[in-house]
Each structure stands twice: as structure tokens, then as C-alpha cells.
Amino acid sequence: MGNEKPASLSPKVERRIAEIEGMNLDEVQALTARMMSEIVKGDITTREARAIDRAVGRRLKAIEQELLGA
């Protein structure tokens, strides 16, 4: 269940999810701000936004673990 992605994600969204894995906190913050704008404009679907949000959540958890030294 953990890293499952819906089959209908566009290659663009799949690339964004892959890029999230290497982002720092500032980059994640900028991404989430852009996502809100893209959702409002209709540039990204709800399904794609949820997939990106899950990837952001995993990245934030990884950053937290790095900061805690685990």
C-alpha cells in the first residue's frame, strides 16, 4: 500500500513525485504553495494532487527522521 500510485497519473506528475524525494523543507514549502494555485486553476486533478500530497508527507517524515538522527 505505501508507495502505490494510481495508474492514471501523467508522466509529469510521476516526475514531480520522484523529484519530491530529494527536496528540502524550503522546496517542499514552495511546491505546496504552487500546488494550491494549480488546483484552483484546474491544472492538476484531485487524484494527482492527492498522490503528490502523499509523496510530500513521506518526504516530510523522512526529513523529520533525518533531523532526529534516526
N, C-alpha and C. Protein backbone atom coordinates (compact mmCIF):
# COMPACT_ATOMS: atom_id res chain seq x y z
N MET A 1 0.81 -1.19 0.00
CA MET A 1 0.00 0.00 0.00
C MET A 1 0.85 1.25 0.00
N GLY A 2 1.97 1.34 0.70
CA GLY A 2 2.75 2.53 0.93
C GLY A 2 3.07 3.39 -0.28
N ASN A 3 3.72 2.86 -1.29
CA ASN A 3 4.17 3.67 -2.42
C ASN A 3 3.30 3.49 -3.65
N GLU A 4 2.11 3.00 -3.49
CA GLU A 4 1.25 2.78 -4.64
C GLU A 4 0.81 4.11 -5.24
N LYS A 5 0.82 4.17 -6.58
CA LYS A 5 0.36 5.35 -7.30
C LYS A 5 -0.79 4.94 -8.21
N PRO A 6 -1.79 5.78 -8.33
CA PRO A 6 -2.87 5.47 -9.26
C PRO A 6 -2.32 5.31 -10.68
N ALA A 7 -2.86 4.38 -11.42
CA ALA A 7 -2.37 4.08 -12.76
C ALA A 7 -2.54 5.25 -13.72
N SER A 8 -3.45 6.17 -13.44
CA SER A 8 -3.76 7.22 -14.40
C SER A 8 -2.97 8.51 -14.20
N LEU A 9 -1.88 8.48 -13.42
CA LEU A 9 -1.08 9.70 -13.24
C LEU A 9 -0.31 10.01 -14.52
N SER A 10 -0.24 11.28 -14.82
CA SER A 10 0.51 11.69 -16.01
C SER A 10 2.01 11.57 -15.74
N PRO A 11 2.80 11.43 -16.80
CA PRO A 11 4.26 11.36 -16.62
C PRO A 11 4.80 12.60 -15.90
N LYS A 12 4.20 13.75 -16.14
CA LYS A 12 4.62 14.99 -15.48
C LYS A 12 4.47 14.87 -13.96
N VAL A 13 3.34 14.35 -13.53
CA VAL A 13 3.08 14.19 -12.10
C VAL A 13 4.00 13.12 -11.52
N GLU A 14 4.21 12.04 -12.24
CA GLU A 14 5.12 11.00 -11.76
C GLU A 14 6.54 11.55 -11.58
N ARG A 15 6.98 12.43 -12.50
CA ARG A 15 8.30 13.07 -12.35
C ARG A 15 8.34 13.95 -11.12
N ARG A 16 7.28 14.69 -10.89
CA ARG A 16 7.22 15.57 -9.71
C ARG A 16 7.31 14.76 -8.43
N ILE A 17 6.62 13.64 -8.39
CA ILE A 17 6.67 12.78 -7.20
C ILE A 17 8.09 12.26 -6.99
N ALA A 18 8.75 11.86 -8.06
CA ALA A 18 10.13 11.39 -7.94
C ALA A 18 11.06 12.52 -7.45
N GLU A 19 10.83 13.72 -7.91
CA GLU A 19 11.67 14.86 -7.50
C GLU A 19 11.48 15.21 -6.03
N ILE A 20 10.30 14.97 -5.51
CA ILE A 20 10.00 15.30 -4.11
C ILE A 20 10.95 14.57 -3.17
N GLU A 21 11.35 13.37 -3.53
CA GLU A 21 12.21 12.56 -2.67
C GLU A 21 13.53 13.25 -2.33
N GLY A 22 13.99 14.19 -3.15
CA GLY A 22 15.25 14.87 -2.90
C GLY A 22 15.09 16.31 -2.43
N MET A 23 13.86 16.73 -2.14
CA MET A 23 13.63 18.13 -1.78
C MET A 23 13.96 18.40 -0.32
N ASN A 24 14.33 19.67 -0.05
CA ASN A 24 14.50 20.11 1.33
C ASN A 24 13.21 20.81 1.76
N LEU A 25 13.18 21.28 3.01
CA LEU A 25 11.95 21.88 3.53
C LEU A 25 11.49 23.10 2.73
N ASP A 26 12.42 23.96 2.33
CA ASP A 26 12.04 25.14 1.56
C ASP A 26 11.43 24.77 0.22
N GLU A 27 12.00 23.77 -0.42
CA GLU A 27 11.47 23.32 -1.71
C GLU A 27 10.08 22.69 -1.56
N VAL A 28 9.89 21.94 -0.48
CA VAL A 28 8.58 21.33 -0.23
C VAL A 28 7.54 22.42 0.01
N GLN A 29 7.92 23.45 0.76
CA GLN A 29 7.00 24.56 1.03
C GLN A 29 6.61 25.26 -0.27
N ALA A 30 7.57 25.52 -1.14
CA ALA A 30 7.28 26.17 -2.41
C ALA A 30 6.38 25.29 -3.28
N LEU A 31 6.64 24.00 -3.27
CA LEU A 31 5.82 23.06 -4.05
C LEU A 31 4.37 23.08 -3.58
N THR A 32 4.16 23.06 -2.27
CA THR A 32 2.79 23.03 -1.77
C THR A 32 2.05 24.33 -2.12
N ALA A 33 2.75 25.44 -2.10
CA ALA A 33 2.13 26.71 -2.49
C ALA A 33 1.74 26.68 -3.97
N ARG A 34 2.61 26.16 -4.82
CA ARG A 34 2.30 26.06 -6.25
C ARG A 34 1.15 25.10 -6.49
N MET A 35 1.12 24.02 -5.72
CA MET A 35 0.03 23.04 -5.89
C MET A 35 -1.32 23.66 -5.65
N MET A 36 -1.42 24.50 -4.62
CA MET A 36 -2.70 25.15 -4.33
C MET A 36 -3.16 25.97 -5.53
N SER A 37 -2.24 26.69 -6.13
CA SER A 37 -2.57 27.50 -7.30
C SER A 37 -2.99 26.61 -8.47
N GLU A 38 -2.27 25.52 -8.67
CA GLU A 38 -2.59 24.62 -9.78
C GLU A 38 -3.95 23.95 -9.59
N ILE A 39 -4.28 23.62 -8.35
CA ILE A 39 -5.58 23.01 -8.08
C ILE A 39 -6.70 24.00 -8.38
N VAL A 40 -6.53 25.23 -7.91
CA VAL A 40 -7.55 26.26 -8.13
C VAL A 40 -7.74 26.53 -9.62
N LYS A 41 -6.64 26.57 -10.38
CA LYS A 41 -6.72 26.85 -11.82
C LYS A 41 -7.19 25.63 -12.61
N GLY A 42 -7.22 24.47 -11.99
CA GLY A 42 -7.62 23.25 -12.69
C GLY A 42 -6.50 22.62 -13.50
N ASP A 43 -5.25 23.02 -13.22
CA ASP A 43 -4.11 22.45 -13.94
C ASP A 43 -3.73 21.06 -13.44
N ILE A 44 -4.26 20.68 -12.29
CA ILE A 44 -3.95 19.39 -11.70
C ILE A 44 -5.25 18.79 -11.17
N THR A 45 -5.41 17.49 -11.35
CA THR A 45 -6.64 16.84 -10.90
C THR A 45 -6.56 16.55 -9.40
N THR A 46 -7.70 16.27 -8.82
CA THR A 46 -7.75 15.92 -7.40
C THR A 46 -6.93 14.67 -7.14
N ARG A 47 -7.02 13.69 -8.00
CA ARG A 47 -6.26 12.44 -7.84
C ARG A 47 -4.76 12.72 -7.88
N GLU A 48 -4.33 13.55 -8.81
CA GLU A 48 -2.91 13.89 -8.90
C GLU A 48 -2.46 14.67 -7.67
N ALA A 49 -3.29 15.58 -7.20
CA ALA A 49 -2.96 16.36 -6.01
C ALA A 49 -2.81 15.45 -4.79
N ARG A 50 -3.69 14.47 -4.66
CA ARG A 50 -3.59 13.53 -3.54
C ARG A 50 -2.32 12.71 -3.62
N ALA A 51 -1.95 12.27 -4.81
CA ALA A 51 -0.72 11.49 -4.98
C ALA A 51 0.50 12.33 -4.61
N ILE A 52 0.52 13.57 -5.04
CA ILE A 52 1.63 14.47 -4.71
C ILE A 52 1.64 14.75 -3.21
N ASP A 53 0.47 14.94 -2.63
CA ASP A 53 0.37 15.20 -1.20
C ASP A 53 0.92 14.02 -0.39
N ARG A 54 0.62 12.81 -0.81
CA ARG A 54 1.15 11.64 -0.11
C ARG A 54 2.67 11.60 -0.22
N ALA A 55 3.21 11.93 -1.39
CA ALA A 55 4.66 11.96 -1.57
C ALA A 55 5.30 13.03 -0.69
N VAL A 56 4.65 14.18 -0.58
CA VAL A 56 5.15 15.26 0.28
C VAL A 56 5.14 14.78 1.74
N GLY A 57 4.09 14.11 2.14
CA GLY A 57 4.01 13.59 3.51
C GLY A 57 5.13 12.61 3.81
N ARG A 58 5.41 11.73 2.85
CA ARG A 58 6.52 10.77 3.04
C ARG A 58 7.85 11.50 3.15
N ARG A 59 8.02 12.55 2.31
CA ARG A 59 9.28 13.30 2.34
C ARG A 59 9.44 14.05 3.65
N LEU A 60 8.37 14.67 4.13
CA LEU A 60 8.44 15.39 5.41
C LEU A 60 8.77 14.44 6.56
N LYS A 61 8.21 13.25 6.50
CA LYS A 61 8.52 12.25 7.54
C LYS A 61 10.00 11.86 7.47
N ALA A 62 10.53 11.70 6.26
CA ALA A 62 11.94 11.36 6.10
C ALA A 62 12.84 12.49 6.60
N ILE A 63 12.46 13.74 6.30
CA ILE A 63 13.25 14.88 6.78
C ILE A 63 13.22 14.91 8.31
N GLU A 64 12.06 14.66 8.89
CA GLU A 64 11.96 14.63 10.36
C GLU A 64 12.89 13.59 10.94
N GLN A 65 12.91 12.41 10.32
CA GLN A 65 13.78 11.35 10.81
C GLN A 65 15.26 11.73 10.68
N GLU A 66 15.61 12.40 9.59
CA GLU A 66 16.99 12.87 9.41
C GLU A 66 17.36 13.87 10.50
N LEU A 67 16.45 14.77 10.81
CA LEU A 67 16.72 15.79 11.83
C LEU A 67 16.83 15.19 13.23
N LEU A 68 16.10 14.12 13.46
CA LEU A 68 16.14 13.45 14.76
C LEU A 68 17.31 12.49 14.86
N GLY A 69 18.00 12.29 13.75
CA GLY A 69 19.16 11.41 13.75
C GLY A 69 18.85 9.94 13.72
N ALA A 70 17.65 9.60 13.32
CA ALA A 70 17.27 8.18 13.27
C ALA A 70 17.66 7.55 11.96
